[in-house]
Amino acid sequence: MRTCAEGTSAEDATADPLAGRTSAGDPRSLRVWCALLDRLATDAEAALAVAMAYRELDGLGRDVWISALEQDAGRVTVPRIAVYAPLLAVESDPKRRHRLLSALGPEEAEARPRCSAFALSGTDDAGRSVTAIIAPLYLNFVQVLACGYRPSERFDWVRHDPIVERQHAPRSGVPLCGALLEGLPLKSAVDDLAITIVAHTRSGRQVPEALTLFADLFGPGGEAPSQLAIPR
């Protein structure tokens, strides 16, 4: 199916997300803008670029961006969540969030996450545990929490990749930071990390910020972050 993205390059679409969109009478600017919107359903780097660019805007700039989406979301073929989720991930203003959620509309079946949260774990040459939790976001995107730690003692490093294409996420049988990963029940991984968080805190160390983004996972219900909990 033909979209308004045809005839533009990938480089054009990511150079400056909203540049020229409001330029009257410039069809190429509209094509570049729509090319970017089309890519947001499959390109994690483009989605991150949009989230970061939107976060840097002032209030007026954000309003202009949202207005542009309201005009042009129907010009592209991707699910609406692909163009609105990166903005929701960094928008904290209640009025703008309400505006974004209203524009998002009802959940589209094709936009639902295509995997469930799962965990992988292994041990590196130093005897340190390396665990990765892969949590779904939307479409084929996930976020990854990876930790290197001494169980029941402390964390040596923690990394959060806020939006990753599923095929590029850690997987069983592939090494991560010197540890060969294997599948581990999610509850076992969460319990192990939770115990280490307590020990890490009691030793006077500050809990790495990336772990706080997964607070829901370590809470009473043990639920993975919601599908809209993408980069903050």
Protein backbone atom coordinates (compact mmCIF):
# COMPACT_ATOMS: atom_id res chain seq x y z
CA MET A 1 0.00 0.00 0.00
CA ARG A 2 1.41 3.39 -0.98
CA THR A 3 2.11 5.88 1.84
CA CYS A 4 3.32 9.47 1.89
CA ALA A 5 6.74 8.16 3.01
CA GLU A 6 7.64 6.91 -0.46
CA GLY A 7 10.48 8.67 -2.19
CA THR A 8 12.32 9.83 0.94
CA SER A 9 15.47 8.48 2.52
CA ALA A 10 15.96 7.08 6.02
CA GLU A 11 18.58 9.74 6.69
CA ASP A 12 16.14 12.53 5.83
CA ALA A 13 13.55 11.15 8.22
CA THR A 14 15.77 11.17 11.30
CA ALA A 15 17.88 14.28 10.76
CA ASP A 16 15.41 16.57 12.58
CA PRO A 17 12.02 14.99 13.35
CA LEU A 18 9.79 18.07 13.03
CA ALA A 19 11.97 20.26 10.83
CA GLY A 20 9.98 21.88 8.07
CA ARG A 21 6.70 20.19 9.00
CA THR A 22 4.99 23.55 9.40
CA SER A 23 6.48 25.01 6.23
CA ALA A 24 3.51 25.86 4.07
CA GLY A 25 3.53 24.55 0.52
CA ASP A 26 6.51 22.20 0.95
CA PRO A 27 5.36 18.68 0.03
CA ARG A 28 8.84 17.26 0.60
CA SER A 29 8.76 18.35 4.24
CA LEU A 30 5.52 16.44 4.70
CA ARG A 31 7.01 13.36 3.02
CA VAL A 32 10.04 13.46 5.33
CA TRP A 33 7.81 13.82 8.40
CA CYS A 34 5.59 10.91 7.30
CA ALA A 35 8.65 8.79 6.53
CA LEU A 36 9.69 9.15 10.16
CA LEU A 37 6.22 8.27 11.43
CA ASP A 38 6.19 5.13 9.28
CA ARG A 39 9.53 4.02 10.72
CA LEU A 40 8.37 4.27 14.35
CA ALA A 41 6.69 0.87 14.20
CA THR A 42 9.87 -1.01 13.32
CA ASP A 43 12.94 1.13 14.07
CA ALA A 44 13.91 1.36 17.76
CA GLU A 45 16.54 4.03 17.08
CA ALA A 46 13.96 6.23 15.36
CA ALA A 47 11.53 5.79 18.27
CA LEU A 48 14.24 6.75 20.75
CA ALA A 49 15.24 9.74 18.65
CA VAL A 50 11.64 10.95 18.65
CA ALA A 51 11.28 10.51 22.41
CA MET A 52 14.50 12.39 23.10
CA ALA A 53 13.74 15.18 20.61
CA TYR A 54 10.25 15.67 22.04
CA ARG A 55 11.61 15.72 25.59
CA GLU A 56 13.91 18.63 24.72
CA LEU A 57 11.05 20.82 23.44
CA ASP A 58 9.35 23.53 25.49
CA GLY A 59 5.60 23.50 26.01
CA LEU A 60 4.80 25.35 22.79
CA GLY A 61 7.02 23.04 20.76
CA ARG A 62 5.33 19.97 22.23
CA ASP A 63 1.90 21.39 21.41
CA VAL A 64 3.00 21.96 17.81
CA TRP A 65 4.26 18.38 17.59
CA ILE A 66 1.00 16.94 18.94
CA SER A 67 -1.03 19.11 16.57
CA ALA A 68 1.06 17.84 13.65
CA LEU A 69 0.34 14.25 14.68
CA GLU A 70 -3.37 14.97 14.93
CA GLN A 71 -3.27 16.17 11.33
CA ASP A 72 -1.00 13.51 9.89
CA ALA A 73 -1.43 10.26 11.87
CA GLY A 74 -4.01 9.17 9.31
CA ARG A 75 -1.53 9.60 6.46
CA VAL A 76 0.59 6.64 7.55
CA THR A 77 -0.15 2.94 7.82
CA VAL A 78 1.40 2.12 11.21
CA PRO A 79 -0.70 1.62 14.37
CA ARG A 80 -1.31 4.86 16.28
CA ILE A 81 0.55 3.59 19.33
CA ALA A 82 3.77 3.63 17.28
CA VAL A 83 3.61 7.41 16.83
CA TYR A 84 2.20 8.31 20.25
CA ALA A 85 4.01 5.94 22.64
CA PRO A 86 7.45 7.63 22.37
CA LEU A 87 5.83 10.93 23.34
CA LEU A 88 3.85 9.40 26.21
CA ALA A 89 7.06 7.92 27.54
CA VAL A 90 8.54 11.35 28.28
CA GLU A 91 5.47 13.56 28.75
CA SER A 92 4.52 14.27 32.37
CA ASP A 93 2.09 17.20 31.91
CA PRO A 94 -1.43 15.85 32.73
CA LYS A 95 -3.18 17.89 30.03
CA ARG A 96 -0.81 16.83 27.29
CA ARG A 97 -0.91 13.22 28.42
CA HIS A 98 -4.70 13.32 28.28
CA ARG A 99 -4.51 14.81 24.80
CA LEU A 100 -2.08 12.11 23.65
CA LEU A 101 -4.11 9.28 25.17
CA SER A 102 -7.31 10.64 23.63
CA ALA A 103 -5.64 10.76 20.21
CA LEU A 104 -4.29 7.24 20.72
CA GLY A 105 -7.83 5.90 20.98
CA PRO A 106 -8.79 2.28 21.75
CA GLU A 107 -6.16 -0.44 21.76
CA GLU A 108 -5.43 -1.91 18.36
CA ALA A 109 -5.03 -5.69 18.33
CA GLU A 110 -2.07 -5.52 15.95
CA ALA A 111 -0.26 -3.16 18.31
CA ARG A 112 -0.28 -5.45 21.35
CA PRO A 113 3.11 -6.67 22.63
CA ARG A 114 4.24 -9.78 20.77
CA CYS A 115 5.93 -11.50 23.70
CA SER A 116 5.61 -11.86 27.46
CA ALA A 117 8.21 -10.76 30.00
CA PHE A 118 10.95 -13.31 30.58
CA ALA A 119 14.36 -13.61 32.24
CA LEU A 120 17.77 -14.97 31.30
CA SER A 121 20.75 -15.52 33.55
CA GLY A 122 24.33 -16.78 33.61
CA THR A 123 27.62 -16.48 35.47
CA ASP A 124 30.72 -14.66 34.22
CA ASP A 125 34.36 -15.71 34.74
CA ALA A 126 34.54 -13.69 37.97
CA GLY A 127 31.68 -15.69 39.48
CA ARG A 128 29.29 -12.76 39.17
CA SER A 129 25.66 -13.37 38.23
CA VAL A 130 24.46 -11.66 35.06
CA THR A 131 20.70 -11.44 34.66
CA ALA A 132 18.60 -9.85 31.96
CA ILE A 133 14.88 -9.18 32.17
CA ILE A 134 13.15 -8.56 28.87
CA ALA A 135 9.77 -6.80 29.23
CA PRO A 136 7.35 -6.08 26.37
CA LEU A 137 6.44 -2.53 25.37
CA TYR A 138 4.27 -2.53 22.25
CA LEU A 139 4.40 -4.03 18.77
CA ASN A 140 7.74 -5.83 18.51
CA PHE A 141 9.58 -3.55 20.95
CA VAL A 142 10.86 -4.54 24.40
CA GLN A 143 12.91 -2.93 27.15
CA VAL A 144 15.84 -4.70 28.75
CA LEU A 145 17.13 -4.54 32.32
CA ALA A 146 20.55 -6.19 32.63
CA CYS A 147 22.51 -6.52 35.88
CA GLY A 148 25.87 -7.84 37.00
CA TYR A 149 25.78 -8.58 40.74
CA ARG A 150 26.87 -10.66 43.69
CA PRO A 151 23.67 -12.37 44.85
CA SER A 152 22.50 -11.19 48.29
CA GLU A 153 25.41 -8.71 48.39
CA ARG A 154 25.60 -5.90 45.83
CA PHE A 155 25.25 -4.77 42.24
CA ASP A 156 28.43 -4.14 40.26
CA TRP A 157 26.66 -2.72 37.22
CA VAL A 158 23.12 -2.17 35.95
CA ARG A 159 22.09 -1.26 32.41
CA HIS A 160 18.69 -0.28 31.05
CA ASP A 161 17.97 -0.30 27.32
CA PRO A 162 14.60 1.50 27.19
CA ILE A 163 13.48 0.42 23.74
CA VAL A 164 14.92 -2.44 21.69
CA GLU A 165 13.65 -4.38 18.73
CA ARG A 166 12.77 -7.85 19.99
CA GLN A 167 15.20 -9.60 17.64
CA HIS A 168 18.08 -7.55 19.03
CA ALA A 169 17.34 -8.28 22.71
CA PRO A 170 19.40 -10.79 24.73
CA ARG A 171 18.48 -14.40 24.08
CA SER A 172 19.25 -17.84 25.46
CA GLY A 173 22.55 -19.36 24.39
CA VAL A 174 24.16 -16.01 23.62
CA PRO A 175 26.77 -14.43 25.95
CA LEU A 176 26.15 -11.11 27.66
CA CYS A 177 29.03 -9.31 29.38
CA GLY A 178 31.01 -12.55 29.67
CA ALA A 179 28.13 -14.76 30.85
CA LEU A 180 26.39 -17.37 28.71
CA LEU A 181 22.69 -16.75 29.22
CA GLU A 182 20.09 -19.44 29.82
CA GLY A 183 16.38 -19.21 30.53
CA LEU A 184 15.33 -18.60 34.13
CA PRO A 185 11.79 -18.38 35.55
CA LEU A 186 10.91 -14.71 35.81
CA LYS A 187 9.84 -15.03 39.45
CA SER A 188 13.19 -16.61 40.40
CA ALA A 189 15.09 -13.80 38.71
CA VAL A 190 12.96 -11.13 40.38
CA ASP A 191 13.32 -12.73 43.83
CA ASP A 192 17.09 -12.94 43.42
CA LEU A 193 17.35 -9.31 42.35
CA ALA A 194 14.98 -8.15 45.12
CA ILE A 195 17.09 -9.80 47.80
CA THR A 196 20.20 -8.19 46.34
CA ILE A 197 18.51 -4.77 46.26
CA VAL A 198 17.83 -5.05 50.00
CA ALA A 199 21.43 -6.08 50.74
CA HIS A 200 22.81 -3.38 48.45
CA THR A 201 20.74 -0.73 50.24
CA ARG A 202 21.61 -1.95 53.72
CA SER A 203 25.30 -1.65 52.88
CA GLY A 204 24.78 2.09 52.37
CA ARG A 205 24.97 2.01 48.59
CA GLN A 206 22.48 3.86 46.40
CA VAL A 207 20.21 1.70 44.29
CA PRO A 208 20.99 2.24 40.58
CA GLU A 209 18.35 4.39 38.90
CA ALA A 210 17.65 1.77 36.24
CA LEU A 211 16.30 -0.55 38.93
CA THR A 212 13.81 2.06 40.10
CA LEU A 213 12.27 2.09 36.61
CA PHE A 214 11.27 -1.52 37.26
CA ALA A 215 9.82 -0.83 40.71
CA ASP A 216 6.51 -2.47 39.76
CA LEU A 217 8.37 -5.68 39.01
CA PHE A 218 9.78 -5.81 42.55
CA GLY A 219 6.50 -4.78 44.21
CA PRO A 220 3.86 -7.03 45.78
CA GLY A 221 2.21 -7.90 42.49
CA GLY A 222 5.46 -8.55 40.69
CA GLU A 223 4.17 -7.12 37.40
CA ALA A 224 6.45 -6.02 34.58
CA PRO A 225 6.31 -2.35 33.56
CA SER A 226 3.36 -1.38 31.39
CA GLN A 227 3.62 -1.33 27.63
CA LEU A 228 3.85 2.47 27.69
CA ALA A 229 6.68 2.60 30.21
CA ILE A 230 9.28 3.47 27.61
CA PRO A 231 12.30 5.72 27.95
CA ARG A 232 12.22 8.34 30.69
